[in-house]
Amino acid sequence: MTQPHTDRVPDADVIIAGGGLSGLSLAVALLDAGLDDGGRILIVDPREALDGADRTWCFFDLVPHAFESAIAHRWGRWRVRRGTAEVVRSAPGITYCHIPGDRFYRVALDRIAGAGDRIELVLGTTVEGLEDRGDHVEAHTGNGVLRARLVMDSRPPPLTLAAGGGDVRLLQHFRGRVVRSAEPAFEADTVTLMDFDVSQAHGLHFVYVLPFDAHTALVESTFFTERLLPEAVYEEAIDTWLARRRPGAVFETMSRESGVIPMTTEPFDAWPSPRIVRIGTAGGHVKPSSGYAFLAVQRFVAEFAPRVVSALRAGGCPEPPPVRPPRTTALDAIFLSYLRRLPERAPDTFYRLFERVPPAALARFLSDTGTVADDLTVMRRSDSPRLALEAVRAAPLLLRKTR
């Protein structure tokens, strides 16, 4: 582990606070953007070892990125179920992709290891505070002070603060199991994005299923609510779904994962000072209405990394690009306001979207890669009268811009 220095010479050109999806993706993008041989990056993380075996990332393959080799599974069809009805869609040239956390970390860390001394991991060290001193940034850690010309802050924001100013703040929270049965139990070519045919007693709830083969799948119990639930609620929901959808099958639990994702209309201060840029969840990279983040992170780092390299060469400060267009931020605000006020209508609304919107347009909309025409199609073919009313109710939120 690198020990923090205490002299006034910068320890690095760039400090990346946090070695998760955003931090490692940016480090790889900086290498791809031509980080000079003399450049130096420190990735500071409180963990003693970087490993993502307890998490996964999924997305529609609509944006080129550096982690194609980490993709473990692709599905050409996706399903949404409401009650006894279900809709299964597909789109030419678009698959739903799955990257296990351990494979992402392996690809990223192998690339970083090949960069020699340009990138160094500072593990077992927590960044406790950042101070922009004008010509450098001081990162205060439990082991001392690190200095850098720029800092990229991917530390996750707190999830328990109440939203202010009328903002919507929901949490997407889930627990999942990778289960395996001796007998075939899953459709290996179809991912279930949302099965709403489950109890709604604790709030908006669905089961998400990634079938890795006919015998094995990740089954997650997912809620969109304002607070977390006891662990037993998630576990019971998975047991009930398996017993109902796969009667008679006996499942062995291979592994578990869980997560909490903010879904909020609160504005993100992504550039709090000239030399500090927030990335990842703290920078607003999670799509507020769906919780998807992987593609947003990859788009951002691909555009931002060349700016960082240029700024380092010129001695300046890079301006971060916008994470998503203002129009999609507005649509997310409308949809979150709608979910908060009318959660009981959400299963019908999601089902209607997948049933009525052309699948390619909907995949682009969910991934923040859509056109104005895609957005209009989604609005027109969803619960349009109520969403139109919600646009009026959400008008104060639409006047606020994410930095």
Protein backbone atom coordinates (compact mmCIF):
# COMPACT_ATOMS: atom_id res chain seq x y z
CA MET A 1 0.00 0.00 0.00
CA THR A 2 1.27 3.47 -0.84
CA GLN A 3 1.85 5.60 2.23
CA PRO A 4 0.57 9.20 2.01
CA HIS A 5 3.28 11.84 1.85
CA THR A 6 3.24 15.04 3.85
CA ASP A 7 5.47 17.39 1.81
CA ARG A 8 4.10 20.06 -0.50
CA VAL A 9 4.96 18.34 -3.77
CA PRO A 10 1.78 16.81 -5.24
CA ASP A 11 1.63 13.06 -4.76
CA ALA A 12 -0.26 12.66 -8.03
CA ASP A 13 -1.71 14.46 -10.99
CA VAL A 14 -5.09 12.89 -10.27
CA ILE A 15 -6.52 11.26 -7.18
CA ILE A 16 -9.58 9.08 -7.74
CA ALA A 17 -11.42 8.70 -4.45
CA GLY A 18 -13.08 5.29 -4.69
CA GLY A 19 -12.18 2.25 -6.75
CA GLY A 20 -15.65 1.13 -7.82
CA LEU A 21 -17.36 1.18 -11.21
CA SER A 22 -16.86 4.91 -11.84
CA GLY A 23 -13.37 5.22 -10.42
CA LEU A 24 -11.92 2.25 -12.28
CA SER A 25 -13.77 3.10 -15.49
CA LEU A 26 -12.29 6.61 -15.41
CA ALA A 27 -8.80 5.26 -14.76
CA VAL A 28 -9.06 2.97 -17.79
CA ALA A 29 -10.50 5.83 -19.89
CA LEU A 30 -7.57 8.07 -18.91
CA LEU A 31 -5.19 5.43 -20.22
CA ASP A 32 -7.21 5.16 -23.44
CA ALA A 33 -7.14 8.97 -23.76
CA GLY A 34 -3.35 8.99 -23.81
CA LEU A 35 -2.34 9.78 -20.23
CA ASP A 36 1.29 10.87 -20.50
CA ASP A 37 3.99 8.46 -19.40
CA GLY A 38 4.96 10.87 -16.65
CA GLY A 39 1.37 11.20 -15.44
CA ARG A 40 0.48 9.70 -12.10
CA ILE A 41 -2.90 8.60 -10.74
CA LEU A 42 -3.69 7.37 -7.23
CA ILE A 43 -6.87 5.33 -6.69
CA VAL A 44 -7.72 5.58 -3.00
CA ASP A 45 -10.19 3.09 -1.54
CA PRO A 46 -11.04 1.99 2.03
CA ARG A 47 -11.13 -1.70 1.07
CA GLU A 48 -8.06 -3.85 1.56
CA ALA A 49 -8.73 -5.56 -1.79
CA LEU A 50 -10.84 -4.51 -4.78
CA ASP A 51 -13.40 -7.19 -5.61
CA GLY A 52 -16.96 -6.95 -6.86
CA ALA A 53 -18.10 -10.56 -6.49
CA ASP A 54 -21.26 -9.39 -4.68
CA ARG A 55 -22.60 -7.13 -7.45
CA THR A 56 -23.55 -7.10 -11.12
CA TRP A 57 -24.19 -4.51 -13.81
CA CYS A 58 -26.72 -4.92 -16.61
CA PHE A 59 -27.54 -2.74 -19.61
CA PHE A 60 -28.73 -2.72 -23.20
CA ASP A 61 -25.70 -2.78 -25.50
CA LEU A 62 -26.15 0.62 -27.08
CA VAL A 63 -22.84 2.37 -26.29
CA PRO A 64 -19.26 1.21 -27.02
CA HIS A 65 -17.16 0.74 -23.89
CA ALA A 66 -13.89 -0.75 -22.67
CA PHE A 67 -15.40 -3.75 -20.87
CA GLU A 68 -16.79 -5.91 -23.68
CA SER A 69 -14.55 -8.77 -22.54
CA ALA A 70 -16.19 -8.68 -19.09
CA ILE A 71 -19.68 -9.43 -20.45
CA ALA A 72 -20.69 -12.89 -19.23
CA HIS A 73 -24.22 -13.22 -20.63
CA ARG A 74 -26.41 -11.68 -23.31
CA TRP A 75 -30.15 -12.08 -23.79
CA GLY A 76 -32.02 -11.31 -26.99
CA ARG A 77 -35.47 -11.19 -25.35
CA TRP A 78 -36.82 -9.40 -22.28
CA ARG A 79 -40.07 -9.93 -20.37
CA VAL A 80 -42.37 -7.87 -18.15
CA ARG A 81 -45.21 -9.59 -16.28
CA ARG A 82 -48.28 -8.07 -14.62
CA GLY A 83 -50.74 -10.49 -13.03
CA THR A 84 -51.39 -13.29 -15.52
CA ALA A 85 -50.37 -11.14 -18.52
CA GLU A 86 -46.87 -10.91 -19.88
CA VAL A 87 -45.13 -9.17 -22.73
CA VAL A 88 -41.89 -10.44 -24.27
CA ARG A 89 -39.98 -8.12 -26.58
CA SER A 90 -36.79 -8.07 -28.63
CA ALA A 91 -35.09 -5.69 -31.04
CA PRO A 92 -32.71 -6.47 -33.92
CA GLY A 93 -29.11 -5.81 -32.94
CA ILE A 94 -29.87 -5.06 -29.27
CA THR A 95 -29.14 -7.48 -26.44
CA TYR A 96 -29.43 -7.14 -22.69
CA CYS A 97 -25.97 -7.64 -21.18
CA HIS A 98 -24.69 -8.82 -17.81
CA ILE A 99 -21.27 -8.04 -16.34
CA PRO A 100 -20.51 -9.80 -13.03
CA GLY A 101 -18.63 -7.58 -10.64
CA ASP A 102 -15.63 -9.88 -10.34
CA ARG A 103 -15.14 -9.91 -14.13
CA PHE A 104 -15.38 -6.11 -14.32
CA TYR A 105 -12.76 -5.73 -11.61
CA ARG A 106 -10.49 -8.29 -13.25
CA VAL A 107 -10.57 -6.52 -16.61
CA ALA A 108 -10.08 -3.07 -15.06
CA LEU A 109 -7.30 -4.10 -12.68
CA ASP A 110 -5.45 -6.03 -15.39
CA ARG A 111 -5.50 -2.92 -17.55
CA ILE A 112 -4.32 -0.76 -14.64
CA ALA A 113 -1.55 -3.21 -13.79
CA GLY A 114 -0.30 -2.89 -17.36
CA ALA A 115 0.07 0.86 -16.93
CA GLY A 116 3.13 0.48 -14.74
CA ASP A 117 3.72 3.24 -12.21
CA ARG A 118 1.29 5.65 -13.89
CA ILE A 119 -1.55 4.29 -11.72
CA GLU A 120 -1.17 3.13 -8.13
CA LEU A 121 -3.72 1.71 -5.73
CA VAL A 122 -3.85 3.14 -2.22
CA LEU A 123 -5.96 0.56 -0.39
CA GLY A 124 -7.17 0.41 3.19
CA THR A 125 -7.35 4.22 3.16
CA THR A 126 -10.50 6.32 3.47
CA VAL A 127 -10.76 9.80 1.98
CA GLU A 128 -12.43 11.76 4.77
CA GLY A 129 -12.46 15.22 3.20
CA LEU A 130 -11.30 17.26 0.21
CA GLU A 131 -10.00 20.85 0.12
CA ASP A 132 -9.35 22.77 -3.08
CA ARG A 133 -6.32 24.95 -2.34
CA GLY A 134 -6.37 26.82 -5.64
CA ASP A 135 -3.37 25.20 -7.31
CA HIS A 136 -3.92 21.70 -5.87
CA VAL A 137 -6.36 19.62 -3.83
CA GLU A 138 -5.69 18.14 -0.42
CA ALA A 139 -7.30 14.77 0.25
CA HIS A 140 -7.47 14.20 3.99
CA THR A 141 -7.32 10.52 4.90
CA GLY A 142 -6.97 8.50 8.06
CA ASN A 143 -3.31 7.98 7.11
CA GLY A 144 -2.45 11.59 6.39
CA VAL A 145 -2.85 14.11 3.58
CA LEU A 146 -2.49 13.35 -0.12
CA ARG A 147 -2.06 16.18 -2.65
CA ALA A 148 -3.02 16.18 -6.31
CA ARG A 149 -3.63 18.63 -9.14
CA LEU A 150 -7.15 17.20 -9.62
CA VAL A 151 -9.47 14.93 -7.64
CA MET A 152 -12.30 12.79 -9.00
CA ASP A 153 -14.62 12.00 -6.11
CA SER A 154 -16.63 8.78 -6.51
CA ARG A 155 -17.43 8.33 -2.82
CA PRO A 156 -21.11 7.35 -2.53
CA PRO A 157 -23.42 10.02 -1.10
CA PRO A 158 -25.52 9.32 2.01
CA LEU A 159 -28.81 7.56 1.26
CA THR A 160 -30.74 8.51 4.37
CA LEU A 161 -31.16 12.27 4.00
CA ALA A 162 -34.71 13.49 3.32
CA ALA A 163 -35.23 15.38 0.11
CA GLY A 164 -35.81 19.08 0.41
CA GLY A 165 -37.52 21.72 -1.68
CA GLY A 166 -40.25 19.36 -2.81
CA ASP A 167 -37.83 16.95 -4.47
CA VAL A 168 -38.71 13.30 -4.89
CA ARG A 169 -36.44 10.82 -3.18
CA LEU A 170 -37.04 7.11 -3.54
CA LEU A 171 -34.72 4.18 -3.00
CA GLN A 172 -34.38 1.20 -5.27
CA HIS A 173 -33.34 -1.58 -2.91
CA PHE A 174 -32.96 -5.26 -3.57
CA ARG A 175 -31.62 -8.59 -2.42
CA GLY A 176 -30.87 -11.42 -4.78
CA ARG A 177 -29.70 -15.00 -4.91
CA VAL A 178 -27.99 -16.99 -7.60
CA VAL A 179 -29.87 -20.28 -7.40
CA ARG A 180 -29.40 -23.58 -9.16
CA SER A 181 -31.75 -26.51 -9.70
CA ALA A 182 -30.90 -30.03 -10.82
CA GLU A 183 -33.84 -29.90 -13.21
CA PRO A 184 -34.33 -27.26 -15.95
CA ALA A 185 -36.22 -24.33 -14.40
CA PHE A 186 -35.53 -21.20 -16.48
CA GLU A 187 -35.83 -19.90 -20.04
CA ALA A 188 -32.19 -19.30 -20.80
CA ASP A 189 -32.81 -16.87 -23.68
CA THR A 190 -35.21 -14.47 -21.90
CA VAL A 191 -34.48 -12.08 -19.04
CA THR A 192 -37.37 -11.05 -16.78
CA LEU A 193 -36.90 -7.34 -16.17
CA MET A 194 -40.00 -6.96 -13.99
CA ASP A 195 -42.47 -9.50 -12.64
CA PHE A 196 -45.12 -7.49 -10.78
CA ASP A 197 -47.17 -10.60 -9.98
CA VAL A 198 -45.88 -10.48 -6.40
CA SER A 199 -47.07 -8.93 -3.14
CA GLN A 200 -47.29 -5.13 -3.17
CA ALA A 201 -47.95 -4.94 0.59
CA HIS A 202 -44.66 -3.14 1.31
CA GLY A 203 -44.77 -0.77 -1.67
CA LEU A 204 -43.89 -1.01 -5.34
CA HIS A 205 -42.28 -4.42 -5.76
CA PHE A 206 -41.16 -6.72 -8.55
CA VAL A 207 -38.90 -9.73 -9.10
CA TYR A 208 -36.00 -9.50 -11.56
CA VAL A 209 -34.57 -12.69 -13.08
CA LEU A 210 -31.33 -13.20 -15.02
CA PRO A 211 -31.24 -16.82 -16.28
CA PHE A 212 -27.64 -17.88 -16.84
CA ASP A 213 -28.71 -21.26 -18.21
CA ALA A 214 -31.73 -23.54 -17.92
CA HIS A 215 -30.70 -24.54 -14.38
CA THR A 216 -29.20 -21.34 -12.92
CA ALA A 217 -30.44 -17.78 -12.43
CA LEU A 218 -30.02 -14.65 -10.38
CA VAL A 219 -33.41 -13.92 -8.76
CA GLU A 220 -33.79 -10.51 -7.10
CA SER A 221 -36.59 -9.06 -5.00
CA THR A 222 -36.66 -5.32 -5.79
CA PHE A 223 -38.60 -2.44 -4.21
CA PHE A 224 -39.04 1.24 -5.09
CA THR A 225 -39.91 2.85 -1.75
CA GLU A 226 -38.79 5.63 0.59
CA ARG A 227 -37.22 3.30 3.16
CA LEU A 228 -35.48 -0.04 3.43
CA LEU A 229 -37.20 -3.19 4.65
CA PRO A 230 -36.26 -6.04 7.00
CA GLU A 231 -34.09 -8.69 5.37
CA ALA A 232 -36.78 -11.32 5.86
CA VAL A 233 -39.14 -9.46 3.49
CA TYR A 234 -36.76 -9.82 0.54
CA GLU A 235 -35.93 -13.44 1.32
CA GLU A 236 -39.56 -14.45 1.70
CA ALA A 237 -40.41 -12.76 -1.60
CA ILE A 238 -37.74 -14.79 -3.42
CA ASP A 239 -38.90 -18.03 -1.79
CA THR A 240 -42.52 -17.29 -2.71
CA TRP A 241 -41.66 -16.44 -6.33
CA LEU A 242 -39.57 -19.59 -6.80
CA ALA A 243 -42.28 -21.80 -5.29
CA ARG A 244 -44.96 -20.20 -7.44
CA ARG A 245 -43.14 -19.95 -10.75
CA ARG A 246 -41.11 -23.15 -10.48
CA PRO A 247 -43.30 -25.52 -8.41
CA GLY A 248 -41.58 -28.68 -7.26
CA ALA A 249 -38.07 -27.49 -8.09
CA VAL A 250 -35.43 -27.64 -5.38
CA PHE A 251 -32.90 -24.78 -5.48
CA GLU A 252 -29.41 -24.50 -4.07
CA THR A 253 -28.22 -20.98 -3.26
CA MET A 254 -24.85 -20.36 -4.92
CA SER A 255 -24.31 -16.73 -3.88
CA ARG A 256 -26.12 -13.59 -2.74
CA GLU A 257 -26.05 -9.89 -3.52
CA SER A 258 -27.84 -6.77 -2.37
CA GLY A 259 -27.88 -3.07 -3.10
CA VAL A 260 -29.46 0.32 -2.55
CA ILE A 261 -29.70 2.83 -5.42
CA PRO A 262 -30.95 6.42 -5.02
CA MET A 263 -33.79 7.52 -7.33
CA THR A 264 -34.08 11.24 -6.85
CA THR A 265 -34.87 14.54 -8.56
CA GLU A 266 -32.45 16.38 -6.28
CA PRO A 267 -29.84 18.35 -8.26
CA PHE A 268 -26.29 16.99 -8.06
CA ASP A 269 -23.43 19.39 -7.50
CA ALA A 270 -21.09 17.48 -9.79
CA TRP A 271 -18.42 20.21 -9.95
CA PRO A 272 -18.13 21.64 -6.42
CA SER A 273 -14.81 23.40 -7.15
CA PRO A 274 -12.53 23.89 -10.16
CA ARG A 275 -10.25 20.97 -9.23
CA ILE A 276 -12.81 18.55 -7.74
CA VAL A 277 -15.31 16.63 -9.88
CA ARG A 278 -17.85 14.18 -8.49
CA ILE A 279 -18.43 11.04 -10.53
CA GLY A 280 -20.62 7.97 -10.24
CA THR A 281 -23.65 8.10 -7.97
CA ALA A 282 -22.39 11.32 -6.36
CA GLY A 283 -22.18 12.92 -9.80
CA GLY A 284 -25.72 11.97 -10.82
CA HIS A 285 -24.70 9.11 -13.13
CA VAL A 286 -27.49 6.81 -11.92
CA LYS A 287 -30.59 7.27 -14.09
CA PRO A 288 -33.19 8.56 -11.60
CA SER A 289 -36.20 6.74 -13.04
CA SER A 290 -34.63 3.30 -13.50
CA GLY A 291 -31.43 2.94 -11.49
CA TYR A 292 -29.31 2.08 -14.54
CA ALA A 293 -25.78 3.45 -14.32
CA PHE A 294 -23.27 1.40 -16.31
CA LEU A 295 -23.76 3.04 -19.72
CA ALA A 296 -24.02 6.54 -18.23
CA VAL A 297 -20.67 6.01 -16.53
CA GLN A 298 -19.06 4.72 -19.74
CA ARG A 299 -20.40 7.62 -21.84
CA PHE A 300 -19.22 10.12 -19.25
CA VAL A 301 -15.68 8.81 -18.82
CA ALA A 302 -15.20 8.47 -22.60
CA GLU A 303 -15.98 12.18 -23.03
CA PHE A 304 -14.38 13.42 -19.82
CA ALA A 305 -11.05 11.57 -19.91
CA PRO A 306 -9.67 13.47 -22.96
CA ARG A 307 -10.61 16.73 -21.24
CA VAL A 308 -8.66 15.66 -18.13
CA VAL A 309 -5.59 14.69 -20.15
CA SER A 310 -5.69 18.02 -22.02
CA ALA A 311 -6.10 19.96 -18.76
CA LEU A 312 -3.13 18.18 -17.19
CA ARG A 313 -0.97 19.09 -20.17
CA ALA A 314 -2.11 22.72 -20.16
CA GLY A 315 -2.10 23.15 -16.39
CA GLY A 316 -5.83 23.89 -16.27
CA CYS A 317 -9.02 22.39 -14.85
CA PRO A 318 -11.36 20.21 -16.95
CA GLU A 319 -15.05 20.98 -17.13
CA PRO A 320 -17.13 17.80 -16.77
CA PRO A 321 -19.60 17.07 -19.58
CA PRO A 322 -23.33 16.79 -18.79
CA VAL A 323 -24.35 13.29 -17.75
CA ARG A 324 -27.60 13.31 -19.74
CA PRO A 325 -29.64 15.79 -21.82
CA PRO A 326 -31.92 18.22 -19.91
CA ARG A 327 -35.00 16.75 -21.56
CA THR A 328 -34.33 13.28 -20.08
CA THR A 329 -33.70 14.83 -16.68
CA ALA A 330 -37.13 16.49 -16.99
CA LEU A 331 -38.81 13.22 -17.98
CA ASP A 332 -37.17 11.44 -15.05
CA ALA A 333 -38.51 14.12 -12.69
CA ILE A 334 -42.03 13.69 -14.08
CA PHE A 335 -41.86 9.91 -13.80
CA LEU A 336 -40.48 9.89 -10.25
CA SER A 337 -43.14 12.37 -9.15
CA TYR A 338 -45.72 10.03 -10.69
CA LEU A 339 -44.28 6.98 -8.92
CA ARG A 340 -44.31 8.73 -5.56
CA ARG A 341 -47.92 9.85 -5.85
CA LEU A 342 -49.41 6.83 -7.65
CA PRO A 343 -47.25 3.77 -6.88
CA GLU A 344 -50.27 1.49 -7.31
CA ARG A 345 -50.38 2.42 -11.01
CA ALA A 346 -46.71 1.66 -11.64
CA PRO A 347 -47.15 -2.02 -12.65
CA ASP A 348 -49.73 -1.04 -15.29
CA THR A 349 -47.59 1.85 -16.50
CA PHE A 350 -44.41 -0.22 -16.87
CA TYR A 351 -46.34 -3.02 -18.54
CA ARG A 352 -47.95 -0.57 -20.96
CA LEU A 353 -44.54 0.88 -21.84
CA PHE A 354 -43.11 -2.50 -22.79
CA GLU A 355 -46.31 -3.52 -24.56
CA ARG A 356 -46.86 -0.35 -26.63
CA VAL A 357 -43.48 1.31 -27.18
CA PRO A 358 -41.26 -0.13 -29.94
CA PRO A 359 -38.60 -2.13 -28.08
CA ALA A 360 -35.59 -0.42 -29.65
CA ALA A 361 -36.98 3.03 -28.77
CA LEU A 362 -37.74 1.93 -25.21
CA ALA A 363 -34.26 0.44 -24.76
CA ARG A 364 -32.74 3.73 -25.90
CA PHE A 365 -35.05 5.70 -23.59
CA LEU A 366 -34.14 3.55 -20.58
CA SER A 367 -30.44 3.97 -21.40
CA ASP A 368 -30.47 7.78 -21.91
CA THR A 369 -29.45 7.30 -25.54
CA GLY A 370 -32.82 8.08 -27.11
CA THR A 371 -33.87 10.80 -29.50
CA VAL A 372 -36.58 13.41 -29.01
CA ALA A 373 -38.79 11.16 -31.15
CA ASP A 374 -38.16 8.25 -28.76
CA ASP A 375 -39.12 10.41 -25.78
CA LEU A 376 -42.32 11.57 -27.44
CA THR A 377 -43.23 7.99 -28.30
CA VAL A 378 -42.74 6.89 -24.70
CA MET A 379 -44.87 9.73 -23.37
CA ARG A 380 -47.60 9.23 -25.95
CA ARG A 381 -47.93 5.48 -25.44
CA SER A 382 -47.72 5.38 -21.66
CA ASP A 383 -50.24 6.64 -19.10
CA SER A 384 -50.21 9.95 -20.99
CA PRO A 385 -53.15 11.84 -19.36
CA ARG A 386 -51.83 11.22 -15.84
CA LEU A 387 -48.24 11.87 -16.86
CA ALA A 388 -49.31 15.13 -18.50
CA LEU A 389 -50.93 16.15 -15.22
CA GLU A 390 -47.79 15.07 -13.37
CA ALA A 391 -45.73 17.34 -15.62
CA VAL A 392 -47.75 20.25 -14.28
CA ARG A 393 -47.33 19.09 -10.70
CA ALA A 394 -43.60 18.57 -11.22
CA ALA A 395 -43.05 21.94 -12.91
CA PRO A 396 -41.02 23.39 -10.00
CA LEU A 397 -38.63 20.45 -10.27
CA LEU A 398 -38.17 20.94 -14.00
CA LEU A 399 -36.81 24.44 -13.46
CA ARG A 400 -33.83 23.00 -11.59
CA LYS A 401 -30.85 21.77 -13.60
CA THR A 402 -28.34 19.10 -12.69
CA ARG A 403 -24.89 20.64 -12.81
